[in-house]
Amino acid sequence: MSKLPKYNSKFQIITILSLFVIVLNACNNNVLSKGKMIKLLTEIHTLEGAFEASSTIYSHEDKEQYFNALFEKHKTSSACFDSSLVWYTAKPNEFEKIFDAVAENLKKLETDVKKYKYHPIYREALQNSKSELWENAGSIILSSDTSLTDTTFKYASFVIKDTELRWKDIYQLNFIERVSPSDSTQNLHAVLRIHYHTGLIDSARIELHADSLKRRYKVKMPANEMLKIDSLTANFFVYDYIGENYKVQIDSIKLVRNYNSLIQDSIENVISKMDTFSIDTIAINKPLLLKEEN
């Protein structure tokens, strides 16, 4: 179902019935309930929308078979439906209520279609979207002759600014790092941070091991604050500085954003409304006091 016909008039409900044969039988003088009429009219209109959206040309007889199957599903007949429709249209107030309910149902169906409700595989993929944030990531080597002010050392960190970053994102930093055991370091770790536009900073850190073994590390961090995100930053090699003797190799770096593609617009609308709050009303977390800032 990818297209639903539009309601221009409440009498359009009646005109679609001319698309199939209606046999006027007595139908035992039973009138279908308003609830059943609403369901039938909603499904009839949806079925007609499916005919219009399809590339197949359906004959009058083919359409009649579909509509008859629809009546059988609801344990009624075209004759009973037609008699009930005549009965309700003779009572404008009752028919108005039915029309409004059908129009509301079709509006909801159209919204669901746009949200890919009827495409479960595609919907699942969109809900679990991923994107690589650091496309130029490569290997970093810090040797014993690398000074703290050296350009190579500065490459052991990054700053990512991306206007698509959102509240409810989950960021995952993966990398492989090998640290020489002769390093004169303490409190050795890597850190990933989320910088919000208010100045608030969230951070997640992971301990590193100085044993010359290549180790695979992963830092995973959700964007929990209902605020705009200014940037992501990270440092792969942070420590309390004691001496200048260190050797580090970092490679297989990957920074991935995990997000729900279907709700990005609604999240953006919520965050935009948050801009009306004063920055003074938001508690600012202090960042970790790390030596890499020196």
C-alpha atoms as a PDB file:
ATOM      1  CA  MET A   1       0.000   0.000   0.000  1.00  0.00           C
ATOM      2  CA  SER A   2       1.783   3.119  -1.184  1.00  0.00           C
ATOM      3  CA  LYS A   3      -1.001   5.418  -2.219  1.00  0.00           C
ATOM      4  CA  LEU A   4      -4.341   6.320  -0.714  1.00  0.00           C
ATOM      5  CA  PRO A   5      -7.017   8.276  -2.562  1.00  0.00           C
ATOM      6  CA  LYS A   6      -7.830  11.702  -1.194  1.00  0.00           C
ATOM      7  CA  TYR A   7     -11.185  12.693   0.261  1.00  0.00           C
ATOM      8  CA  ASN A   8     -12.549  15.750  -1.530  1.00  0.00           C
ATOM      9  CA  SER A   9     -16.134  15.148  -0.456  1.00  0.00           C
ATOM     10  CA  LYS A  10     -17.996  12.795   1.829  1.00  0.00           C
ATOM     11  CA  PHE A  11     -19.965  11.681  -1.226  1.00  0.00           C
ATOM     12  CA  GLN A  12     -16.756  10.261  -2.654  1.00  0.00           C
ATOM     13  CA  ILE A  13     -17.326   7.316  -0.322  1.00  0.00           C
ATOM     14  CA  ILE A  14     -20.461   6.516  -2.266  1.00  0.00           C
ATOM     15  CA  THR A  15     -19.017   6.999  -5.763  1.00  0.00           C
ATOM     16  CA  ILE A  16     -16.310   4.368  -5.285  1.00  0.00           C
ATOM     17  CA  LEU A  17     -19.060   1.774  -4.945  1.00  0.00           C
ATOM     18  CA  SER A  18     -19.847   2.150  -8.633  1.00  0.00           C
ATOM     19  CA  LEU A  19     -16.574   0.394  -9.350  1.00  0.00           C
ATOM     20  CA  PHE A  20     -18.049  -2.989  -8.578  1.00  0.00           C
ATOM     21  CA  VAL A  21     -21.449  -4.675  -8.967  1.00  0.00           C
ATOM     22  CA  ILE A  22     -23.845  -4.237  -6.065  1.00  0.00           C
ATOM     23  CA  VAL A  23     -26.761  -6.644  -5.991  1.00  0.00           C
ATOM     24  CA  LEU A  24     -29.812  -5.208  -4.235  1.00  0.00           C
ATOM     25  CA  ASN A  25     -31.155  -8.046  -2.134  1.00  0.00           C
ATOM     26  CA  ALA A  26     -33.344  -7.746   0.897  1.00  0.00           C
ATOM     27  CA  CYS A  27     -30.457  -8.632   3.253  1.00  0.00           C
ATOM     28  CA  ASN A  28     -33.070  -9.533   5.878  1.00  0.00           C
ATOM     29  CA  ASN A  29     -33.531  -5.808   6.582  1.00  0.00           C
ATOM     30  CA  ASN A  30     -30.398  -5.842   8.773  1.00  0.00           C
ATOM     31  CA  VAL A  31     -28.357  -2.661   9.053  1.00  0.00           C
ATOM     32  CA  LEU A  32     -24.661  -3.025   9.708  1.00  0.00           C
ATOM     33  CA  SER A  33     -23.386  -1.343  12.849  1.00  0.00           C
ATOM     34  CA  LYS A  34     -21.522   1.958  12.608  1.00  0.00           C
ATOM     35  CA  GLY A  35     -18.327   0.228  13.686  1.00  0.00           C
ATOM     36  CA  LYS A  36     -18.549  -2.355  10.902  1.00  0.00           C
ATOM     37  CA  MET A  37     -19.449   0.320   8.350  1.00  0.00           C
ATOM     38  CA  ILE A  38     -16.395   2.349   9.358  1.00  0.00           C
ATOM     39  CA  LYS A  39     -14.135  -0.697   8.997  1.00  0.00           C
ATOM     40  CA  LEU A  40     -15.644  -1.680   5.643  1.00  0.00           C
ATOM     41  CA  LEU A  41     -15.485   1.815   4.161  1.00  0.00           C
ATOM     42  CA  THR A  42     -11.883   2.232   5.356  1.00  0.00           C
ATOM     43  CA  GLU A  43     -10.824  -1.064   3.766  1.00  0.00           C
ATOM     44  CA  ILE A  44     -12.807  -0.416   0.581  1.00  0.00           C
ATOM     45  CA  HIS A  45     -11.095   2.916   0.128  1.00  0.00           C
ATOM     46  CA  THR A  46      -7.701   1.370   0.920  1.00  0.00           C
ATOM     47  CA  LEU A  47      -8.323  -1.406  -1.608  1.00  0.00           C
ATOM     48  CA  GLU A  48      -9.232   1.138  -4.257  1.00  0.00           C
ATOM     49  CA  GLY A  49      -6.030   3.012  -3.441  1.00  0.00           C
ATOM     50  CA  ALA A  50      -4.091  -0.219  -3.987  1.00  0.00           C
ATOM     51  CA  PHE A  51      -5.743  -0.612  -7.414  1.00  0.00           C
ATOM     52  CA  GLU A  52      -4.731   2.929  -8.369  1.00  0.00           C
ATOM     53  CA  ALA A  53      -1.165   2.499  -7.154  1.00  0.00           C
ATOM     54  CA  SER A  54      -0.665  -0.814  -8.928  1.00  0.00           C
ATOM     55  CA  SER A  55       0.847  -1.011 -12.407  1.00  0.00           C
ATOM     56  CA  THR A  56      -1.621  -3.834 -13.169  1.00  0.00           C
ATOM     57  CA  ILE A  57      -4.838  -3.029 -14.998  1.00  0.00           C
ATOM     58  CA  TYR A  58      -7.709  -4.737 -13.167  1.00  0.00           C
ATOM     59  CA  SER A  59     -10.901  -5.621 -14.985  1.00  0.00           C
ATOM     60  CA  HIS A  60     -14.335  -4.974 -13.532  1.00  0.00           C
ATOM     61  CA  GLU A  61     -14.668  -8.693 -12.763  1.00  0.00           C
ATOM     62  CA  ASP A  62     -11.268  -8.830 -11.036  1.00  0.00           C
ATOM     63  CA  LYS A  63     -12.141  -5.909  -8.792  1.00  0.00           C
ATOM     64  CA  GLU A  64     -15.491  -7.456  -7.966  1.00  0.00           C
ATOM     65  CA  GLN A  65     -13.748 -10.605  -6.718  1.00  0.00           C
ATOM     66  CA  TYR A  66     -11.528  -8.538  -4.412  1.00  0.00           C
ATOM     67  CA  PHE A  67     -14.488  -6.626  -3.006  1.00  0.00           C
ATOM     68  CA  ASN A  68     -16.522  -9.809  -2.519  1.00  0.00           C
ATOM     69  CA  ALA A  69     -13.577 -11.315  -0.618  1.00  0.00           C
ATOM     70  CA  LEU A  70     -13.538  -8.196   1.553  1.00  0.00           C
ATOM     71  CA  PHE A  71     -17.232  -8.616   2.376  1.00  0.00           C
ATOM     72  CA  GLU A  72     -16.691 -12.288   3.189  1.00  0.00           C
ATOM     73  CA  LYS A  73     -13.889 -11.298   5.561  1.00  0.00           C
ATOM     74  CA  HIS A  74     -16.377  -9.158   7.487  1.00  0.00           C
ATOM     75  CA  LYS A  75     -19.093 -11.829   7.288  1.00  0.00           C
ATOM     76  CA  THR A  76     -21.461  -9.716   5.223  1.00  0.00           C
ATOM     77  CA  SER A  77     -22.374  -9.190   1.558  1.00  0.00           C
ATOM     78  CA  SER A  78     -22.447  -6.400  -0.974  1.00  0.00           C
ATOM     79  CA  ALA A  79     -26.225  -6.346  -0.699  1.00  0.00           C
ATOM     80  CA  CYS A  80     -26.168  -5.867   3.086  1.00  0.00           C
ATOM     81  CA  PHE A  81     -23.477  -3.220   2.773  1.00  0.00           C
ATOM     82  CA  ASP A  82     -25.460  -1.367   0.106  1.00  0.00           C
ATOM     83  CA  SER A  83     -28.676  -1.472   2.115  1.00  0.00           C
ATOM     84  CA  SER A  84     -26.836  -0.191   5.178  1.00  0.00           C
ATOM     85  CA  LEU A  85     -25.209   2.587   3.178  1.00  0.00           C
ATOM     86  CA  VAL A  86     -28.602   3.749   1.888  1.00  0.00           C
ATOM     87  CA  TRP A  87     -29.941   3.663   5.457  1.00  0.00           C
ATOM     88  CA  TYR A  88     -27.075   5.751   6.857  1.00  0.00           C
ATOM     89  CA  THR A  89     -27.026   8.306   4.039  1.00  0.00           C
ATOM     90  CA  ALA A  90     -30.695   8.971   4.767  1.00  0.00           C
ATOM     91  CA  LYS A  91     -29.590  10.056   8.246  1.00  0.00           C
ATOM     92  CA  PRO A  92     -27.033  12.858   7.676  1.00  0.00           C
ATOM     93  CA  ASN A  93     -25.921  13.118  11.303  1.00  0.00           C
ATOM     94  CA  GLU A  94     -25.113   9.417  11.523  1.00  0.00           C
ATOM     95  CA  PHE A  95     -23.417   9.403   8.135  1.00  0.00           C
ATOM     96  CA  GLU A  96     -21.327  12.436   9.113  1.00  0.00           C
ATOM     97  CA  LYS A  97     -19.924  10.527  12.101  1.00  0.00           C
ATOM     98  CA  ILE A  98     -19.068   7.548   9.896  1.00  0.00           C
ATOM     99  CA  PHE A  99     -17.405   9.752   7.301  1.00  0.00           C
ATOM    100  CA  ASP A 100     -15.264  11.555   9.904  1.00  0.00           C
ATOM    101  CA  ALA A 101     -14.109   8.246  11.396  1.00  0.00           C
ATOM    102  CA  VAL A 102     -13.216   6.814   7.968  1.00  0.00           C
ATOM    103  CA  ALA A 103     -11.323   9.980   7.016  1.00  0.00           C
ATOM    104  CA  GLU A 104      -9.361   9.794  10.283  1.00  0.00           C
ATOM    105  CA  ASN A 105      -8.512   6.118   9.670  1.00  0.00           C
ATOM    106  CA  LEU A 106      -7.246   6.859   6.172  1.00  0.00           C
ATOM    107  CA  LYS A 107      -5.179   9.778   7.440  1.00  0.00           C
ATOM    108  CA  LYS A 108      -3.542   7.491   9.998  1.00  0.00           C
ATOM    109  CA  LEU A 109      -2.893   4.843   7.332  1.00  0.00           C
ATOM    110  CA  GLU A 110      -1.226   7.434   5.115  1.00  0.00           C
ATOM    111  CA  THR A 111       1.004   8.492   8.032  1.00  0.00           C
ATOM    112  CA  ASP A 112       1.923   4.864   8.716  1.00  0.00           C
ATOM    113  CA  VAL A 113       2.817   4.327   5.051  1.00  0.00           C
ATOM    114  CA  LYS A 114       5.140   7.336   5.103  1.00  0.00           C
ATOM    115  CA  LYS A 115       6.801   5.903   8.218  1.00  0.00           C
ATOM    116  CA  TYR A 116       7.421   2.610   6.353  1.00  0.00           C
ATOM    117  CA  LYS A 117       5.192   0.604   8.678  1.00  0.00           C
ATOM    118  CA  TYR A 118       4.293  -1.712   5.818  1.00  0.00           C
ATOM    119  CA  HIS A 119       7.913  -2.276   4.798  1.00  0.00           C
ATOM    120  CA  PRO A 120       9.232  -4.168   7.840  1.00  0.00           C
ATOM    121  CA  ILE A 121      12.659  -5.051   6.407  1.00  0.00           C
ATOM    122  CA  TYR A 122      13.323  -1.536   5.147  1.00  0.00           C
ATOM    123  CA  ARG A 123      11.906  -0.069   8.361  1.00  0.00           C
ATOM    124  CA  GLU A 124      14.191  -2.194  10.516  1.00  0.00           C
ATOM    125  CA  ALA A 125      17.208  -1.113   8.478  1.00  0.00           C
ATOM    126  CA  LEU A 126      16.300   2.559   8.893  1.00  0.00           C
ATOM    127  CA  GLN A 127      15.766   2.159  12.620  1.00  0.00           C
ATOM    128  CA  ASN A 128      19.276   0.730  12.911  1.00  0.00           C
ATOM    129  CA  SER A 129      21.126   3.111  10.606  1.00  0.00           C
ATOM    130  CA  LYS A 130      24.889   3.479  10.776  1.00  0.00           C
ATOM    131  CA  SER A 131      27.341   5.995   9.364  1.00  0.00           C
ATOM    132  CA  GLU A 132      31.135   6.307   9.500  1.00  0.00           C
ATOM    133  CA  LEU A 133      32.047   9.661  11.028  1.00  0.00           C
ATOM    134  CA  TRP A 134      35.817   9.617  10.522  1.00  0.00           C
ATOM    135  CA  GLU A 135      36.380   8.557   6.939  1.00  0.00           C
ATOM    136  CA  ASN A 136      40.051   9.580   6.865  1.00  0.00           C
ATOM    137  CA  ALA A 137      41.018   7.631   9.977  1.00  0.00           C
ATOM    138  CA  GLY A 138      44.267   5.742   9.618  1.00  0.00           C
ATOM    139  CA  SER A 139      47.245   4.573  11.650  1.00  0.00           C
ATOM    140  CA  ILE A 140      49.083   6.687  14.215  1.00  0.00           C
ATOM    141  CA  ILE A 141      52.604   5.957  15.433  1.00  0.00           C
ATOM    142  CA  LEU A 142      54.161   7.768  18.404  1.00  0.00           C
ATOM    143  CA  SER A 143      57.804   6.887  18.902  1.00  0.00           C
ATOM    144  CA  SER A 144      60.339   7.706  21.620  1.00  0.00           C
ATOM    145  CA  ASP A 145      61.599  10.720  19.655  1.00  0.00           C
ATOM    146  CA  THR A 146      58.118  12.237  19.358  1.00  0.00           C
ATOM    147  CA  SER A 147      57.787  15.338  21.512  1.00  0.00           C
ATOM    148  CA  LEU A 148      54.569  16.445  23.181  1.00  0.00           C
ATOM    149  CA  THR A 149      54.345  19.379  20.793  1.00  0.00           C
ATOM    150  CA  ASP A 150      55.027  17.305  17.711  1.00  0.00           C
ATOM    151  CA  THR A 151      52.353  17.298  14.967  1.00  0.00           C
ATOM    152  CA  THR A 152      52.200  13.500  15.037  1.00  0.00           C
ATOM    153  CA  PHE A 153      51.270  13.549  18.705  1.00  0.00           C
ATOM    154  CA  LYS A 154      48.389  15.894  17.977  1.00  0.00           C
ATOM    155  CA  TYR A 155      47.064  13.331  15.505  1.00  0.00           C
ATOM    156  CA  ALA A 156      46.456  11.001  18.448  1.00  0.00           C
ATOM    157  CA  SER A 157      43.208  12.929  18.943  1.00  0.00           C
ATOM    158  CA  PHE A 158      40.379  14.157  16.741  1.00  0.00           C
ATOM    159  CA  VAL A 159      37.497  16.615  16.596  1.00  0.00           C
ATOM    160  CA  ILE A 160      34.354  15.730  14.620  1.00  0.00           C
ATOM    161  CA  LYS A 161      31.838  18.462  13.811  1.00  0.00           C
ATOM    162  CA  ASP A 162      28.716  17.180  12.041  1.00  0.00           C
ATOM    163  CA  THR A 163      25.327  18.910  11.852  1.00  0.00           C
ATOM    164  CA  GLU A 164      23.596  15.511  11.695  1.00  0.00           C
ATOM    165  CA  LEU A 165      24.643  14.494  15.221  1.00  0.00           C
ATOM    166  CA  ARG A 166      21.554  14.089  17.396  1.00  0.00           C
ATOM    167  CA  TRP A 167      20.223  13.304  20.830  1.00  0.00           C
ATOM    168  CA  LYS A 168      19.607   9.510  21.107  1.00  0.00           C
ATOM    169  CA  ASP A 169      22.616   8.724  18.871  1.00  0.00           C
ATOM    170  CA  ILE A 170      25.042   6.042  20.032  1.00  0.00           C
ATOM    171  CA  TYR A 171      28.697   6.611  19.114  1.00  0.00           C
ATOM    172  CA  GLN A 172      31.171   3.766  19.005  1.00  0.00           C
ATOM    173  CA  LEU A 173      34.934   4.212  18.721  1.00  0.00           C
ATOM    174  CA  ASN A 174      36.945   1.101  17.813  1.00  0.00           C
ATOM    175  CA  PHE A 175      40.714   0.937  17.497  1.00  0.00           C
ATOM    176  CA  ILE A 176      43.751  -1.280  18.008  1.00  0.00           C
ATOM    177  CA  GLU A 177      46.564   0.092  20.157  1.00  0.00           C
ATOM    178  CA  ARG A 178      49.957  -1.202  21.251  1.00  0.00           C
ATOM    179  CA  VAL A 179      51.930   0.586  23.975  1.00  0.00           C
ATOM    180  CA  SER A 180      55.540  -0.125  24.892  1.00  0.00           C
ATOM    181  CA  PRO A 181      55.969  -1.447  28.461  1.00  0.00           C
ATOM    182  CA  SER A 182      58.913   0.905  29.037  1.00  0.00           C
ATOM    183  CA  ASP A 183      56.697   3.973  29.004  1.00  0.00           C
ATOM    184  CA  SER A 184      56.954   6.122  32.114  1.00  0.00           C
ATOM    185  CA  THR A 185      53.232   6.737  32.395  1.00  0.00           C
ATOM    186  CA  GLN A 186      50.464   6.546  34.937  1.00  0.00           C
ATOM    187  CA  ASN A 187      46.692   6.566  34.533  1.00  0.00           C
ATOM    188  CA  LEU A 188      46.981   5.480  30.887  1.00  0.00           C
ATOM    189  CA  HIS A 189      43.632   5.618  29.074  1.00  0.00           C
ATOM    190  CA  ALA A 190      41.648   6.681  25.978  1.00  0.00           C
ATOM    191  CA  VAL A 191      38.618   8.945  26.134  1.00  0.00           C
ATOM    192  CA  LEU A 192      35.634   9.789  23.908  1.00  0.00           C
ATOM    193  CA  ARG A 193      33.610  12.964  24.546  1.00  0.00           C
ATOM    194  CA  ILE A 194      30.322  14.489  23.419  1.00  0.00           C
ATOM    195  CA  HIS A 195      30.328  18.305  23.472  1.00  0.00           C
ATOM    196  CA  TYR A 196      26.869  19.889  23.679  1.00  0.00           C
ATOM    197  CA  HIS A 197      26.267  23.445  22.503  1.00  0.00           C
ATOM    198  CA  THR A 198      25.504  24.581  26.078  1.00  0.00           C
ATOM    199  CA  GLY A 199      29.027  23.732  27.167  1.00  0.00           C
ATOM    200  CA  LEU A 200      28.081  20.483  28.846  1.00  0.00           C
ATOM    201  CA  ILE A 201      30.506  17.611  28.186  1.00  0.00           C
ATOM    202  CA  ASP A 202      29.861  13.896  28.592  1.00  0.00           C
ATOM    203  CA  SER A 203      32.806  11.531  28.427  1.00  0.00           C
ATOM    204  CA  ALA A 204      33.563   7.828  28.455  1.00  0.00           C
ATOM    205  CA  ARG A 205      37.031   6.409  29.068  1.00  0.00           C
ATOM    206  CA  ILE A 206      38.745   3.061  28.796  1.00  0.00           C
ATOM    207  CA  GLU A 207      41.966   1.876  30.465  1.00  0.00           C
ATOM    208  CA  LEU A 208      44.935   1.084  28.192  1.00  0.00           C
ATOM    209  CA  HIS A 209      47.624  -1.535  28.842  1.00  0.00           C
ATOM    210  CA  ALA A 210      51.363  -0.886  28.387  1.00  0.00           C
ATOM    211  CA  ASP A 211      52.549  -4.433  27.628  1.00  0.00           C
ATOM    212  CA  SER A 212      53.567  -4.332  23.918  1.00  0.00           C
ATOM    213  CA  LEU A 213      50.546  -6.430  22.976  1.00  0.00           C
ATOM    214  CA  LYS A 214      48.192  -5.283  20.249  1.00  0.00           C
ATOM    215  CA  ARG A 215      44.855  -4.895  21.930  1.00  0.00           C
ATOM    216  CA  ARG A 216      41.465  -4.150  20.440  1.00  0.00           C
ATOM    217  CA  TYR A 217      39.538  -1.440  22.284  1.00  0.00           C
ATOM    218  CA  LYS A 218      35.954  -0.227  22.054  1.00  0.00           C
ATOM    219  CA  VAL A 219      34.369   2.859  23.600  1.00  0.00           C
ATOM    220  CA  LYS A 220      30.585   3.089  23.244  1.00  0.00           C
ATOM    221  CA  MET A 221      28.683   6.176  24.323  1.00  0.00           C
ATOM    222  CA  PRO A 222      25.028   7.321  23.953  1.00  0.00           C
ATOM    223  CA  ALA A 223      23.997  10.950  23.489  1.00  0.00           C
ATOM    224  CA  ASN A 224      21.637  11.102  26.474  1.00  0.00           C
ATOM    225  CA  GLU A 225      21.217  14.863  26.792  1.00  0.00           C
ATOM    226  CA  MET A 226      18.248  16.487  25.030  1.00  0.00           C
ATOM    227  CA  LEU A 227      20.517  19.170  23.562  1.00  0.00           C
ATOM    228  CA  LYS A 228      22.159  20.079  20.292  1.00  0.00           C
ATOM    229  CA  ILE A 229      25.538  18.424  19.814  1.00  0.00           C
ATOM    230  CA  ASP A 230      28.414  20.678  18.862  1.00  0.00           C
ATOM    231  CA  SER A 231      31.123  18.053  18.305  1.00  0.00           C
ATOM    232  CA  LEU A 232      32.745  14.767  19.249  1.00  0.00           C
ATOM    233  CA  THR A 233      36.337  14.624  20.444  1.00  0.00           C
ATOM    234  CA  ALA A 234      38.629  11.793  21.482  1.00  0.00           C
ATOM    235  CA  ASN A 235      42.156  11.087  22.620  1.00  0.00           C
ATOM    236  CA  PHE A 236      43.726   7.680  22.047  1.00  0.00           C
ATOM    237  CA  PHE A 237      46.706   8.153  24.392  1.00  0.00           C
ATOM    238  CA  VAL A 238      46.123  10.034  27.648  1.00  0.00           C
ATOM    239  CA  TYR A 239      48.282   9.734  30.764  1.00  0.00           C
ATOM    240  CA  ASP A 240      49.764  11.529  33.758  1.00  0.00           C
ATOM    241  CA  TYR A 241      53.071  12.712  32.255  1.00  0.00           C
ATOM    242  CA  ILE A 242      56.264  11.651  34.051  1.00  0.00           C
ATOM    243  CA  GLY A 243      58.947  11.212  31.410  1.00  0.00           C
ATOM    244  CA  GLU A 244      59.413  11.442  27.642  1.00  0.00           C
ATOM    245  CA  ASN A 245      60.022   7.778  26.993  1.00  0.00           C
ATOM    246  CA  TYR A 246      57.003   6.347  25.161  1.00  0.00           C
ATOM    247  CA  LYS A 247      56.162   4.386  22.026  1.00  0.00           C
ATOM    248  CA  VAL A 248      52.614   3.863  20.800  1.00  0.00           C
ATOM    249  CA  GLN A 249      51.044   2.394  17.678  1.00  0.00           C
ATOM    250  CA  ILE A 250      47.349   2.933  16.948  1.00  0.00           C
ATOM    251  CA  ASP A 251      45.519   1.543  13.905  1.00  0.00           C
ATOM    252  CA  SER A 252      42.195   0.140  12.618  1.00  0.00           C
ATOM    253  CA  ILE A 253      40.478   3.286  13.882  1.00  0.00           C
ATOM    254  CA  LYS A 254      36.725   3.431  13.281  1.00  0.00           C
ATOM    255  CA  LEU A 255      34.145   5.892  14.602  1.00  0.00           C
ATOM    256  CA  VAL A 256      30.533   4.870  13.923  1.00  0.00           C
ATOM    257  CA  ARG A 257      27.288   6.699  14.549  1.00  0.00           C
ATOM    258  CA  ASN A 258      24.297   4.436  15.314  1.00  0.00           C
ATOM    259  CA  TYR A 259      20.905   6.125  14.993  1.00  0.00           C
ATOM    260  CA  ASN A 260      17.243   5.770  14.051  1.00  0.00           C
ATOM    261  CA  SER A 261      16.808   7.386  10.654  1.00  0.00           C
ATOM    262  CA  LEU A 262      13.000   7.386  10.925  1.00  0.00           C
ATOM    263  CA  ILE A 263      12.866   9.778  13.886  1.00  0.00           C
ATOM    264  CA  GLN A 264      15.566  12.288  12.946  1.00  0.00           C
ATOM    265  CA  ASP A 265      13.115  15.053  11.969  1.00  0.00           C
ATOM    266  CA  SER A 266      11.046  14.689  15.128  1.00  0.00           C
ATOM    267  CA  ILE A 267      14.208  14.746  17.273  1.00  0.00           C
ATOM    268  CA  GLU A 268      15.367  17.893  15.487  1.00  0.00           C
ATOM    269  CA  ASN A 269      12.017  19.568  16.208  1.00  0.00           C
ATOM    270  CA  VAL A 270      12.228  18.683  19.909  1.00  0.00           C
ATOM    271  CA  ILE A 271      15.799  19.957  20.189  1.00  0.00           C
ATOM    272  CA  SER A 272      14.940  23.192  18.364  1.00  0.00           C
ATOM    273  CA  LYS A 273      12.279  23.920  20.987  1.00  0.00           C
ATOM    274  CA  MET A 274      14.886  23.404  23.698  1.00  0.00           C
ATOM    275  CA  ASP A 275      16.782  26.418  22.326  1.00  0.00           C
ATOM    276  CA  THR A 276      14.245  28.664  24.035  1.00  0.00           C
ATOM    277  CA  PHE A 277      15.748  27.715  27.414  1.00  0.00           C
ATOM    278  CA  SER A 278      18.478  29.877  28.850  1.00  0.00           C
ATOM    279  CA  ILE A 279      21.910  28.308  29.118  1.00  0.00           C
ATOM    280  CA  ASP A 280      21.906  29.380  32.774  1.00  0.00           C
ATOM    281  CA  THR A 281      19.024  27.011  33.500  1.00  0.00           C
ATOM    282  CA  ILE A 282      21.033  23.949  32.459  1.00  0.00           C
ATOM    283  CA  ALA A 283      23.478  22.307  34.870  1.00  0.00           C
ATOM    284  CA  ILE A 284      26.905  22.144  33.257  1.00  0.00           C
ATOM    285  CA  ASN A 285      28.995  19.050  33.945  1.00  0.00           C
ATOM    286  CA  LYS A 286      32.691  19.634  34.459  1.00  0.00           C
ATOM    287  CA  PRO A 287      34.923  17.663  32.071  1.00  0.00           C
ATOM    288  CA  LEU A 288      37.396  15.166  33.433  1.00  0.00           C
ATOM    289  CA  LEU A 289      40.661  16.798  34.521  1.00  0.00           C
ATOM    290  CA  LEU A 290      42.929  15.054  32.066  1.00  0.00           C
ATOM    291  CA  LYS A 291      46.590  15.790  31.362  1.00  0.00           C
ATOM    292  CA  GLU A 292      46.069  15.771  27.608  1.00  0.00           C
ATOM    293  CA  GLU A 293      44.668  19.272  27.886  1.00  0.00           C
ATOM    294  CA  ASN A 294      48.076  20.653  29.024  1.00  0.00           C
END
